[in-house]
């Protein structure tokens, strides 16, 4: 992953210890001044499988289980919990599932962009990056959805990404990292790899799990639940923004245990909100609050150089 000018890198702590919140100067204040949490979901439909050449030719497109089966259940769960989330979806979904994207918006949730077909963003050359961002942005606008946020698949950005996002009207970006900040006029709201459900579940994330001290073996839904609830409780005593990241396909393939773990994490968020310990908002709302603050109170973000293929 590229190290962006003005951003400080995040390095894994020794012996699997969690990232410290300390290390800032005594007069440091987070661009988000109160403990704030956003629930986010990445990926939808068959976009990533098409990009990887893994979609069976004999299987019809436009009927993916994450859209047909998982998404309605997710939206019902969020409605029951009284929560509004951010869905980062590939631009291809605007062409394949426009009705599903409008259902998300109609539920009070945000739709943001997650590349065109889940391309590993930091690996793109300049021509491809421009073309894919334009294609995804135009596809969303063509169905009446104006996206203000972008999350790069793989967690990394190029040296061109921030400027391109600004040119296309985006307000924020969500790469891998540890601490939020502002760069080139955009709010940067990172996600932490350890707070991604796929980090816990997928064998391909073994390198990341070893990097952060969890060992190479996948975790159970109950262990994922414990990690996220511990992070929420710790965050309630700090300043700043925290993003939790789930995938519709991960919830599906872990079965009822995965659904129960997700519901338990959402329940803990509700509990902390009701006690006044945290504030919950969509990613676009958190970004807007950051960008409203005087420039002198906004600091550079702390980003992470790890990707999903870290060894």
Foldseek 3Di string as FASTA:
>chain_A
DDDEPQAAADAADPQLDDDDPDPDPPPAAALFRALEEAEEEEEDFCLQCVVVVNDDPVDDGLCGCLQPPLLVVVLVLCVVLVHEHEYAYALCCLVRPVVSVVVNVVSVYHYAHAWHRQDQAQPDDPVVNLVGVVSSQVSCVVSPHHHQEYEYRQQDHYNCVVVSSVVSRHAEYEGAFDAWFDDPRHTYHYAHLLQEQCCQAPLLQQQVCVSSNNHNDHHALVVSLVSLLVVSVVSLVDGHYYYHYYYSVSLVVNPPSSVVSVSSSSVSVSVCVVVVSYHYDYPVVSSVSSSPDPPVNTHHGHHYPGTSNHD
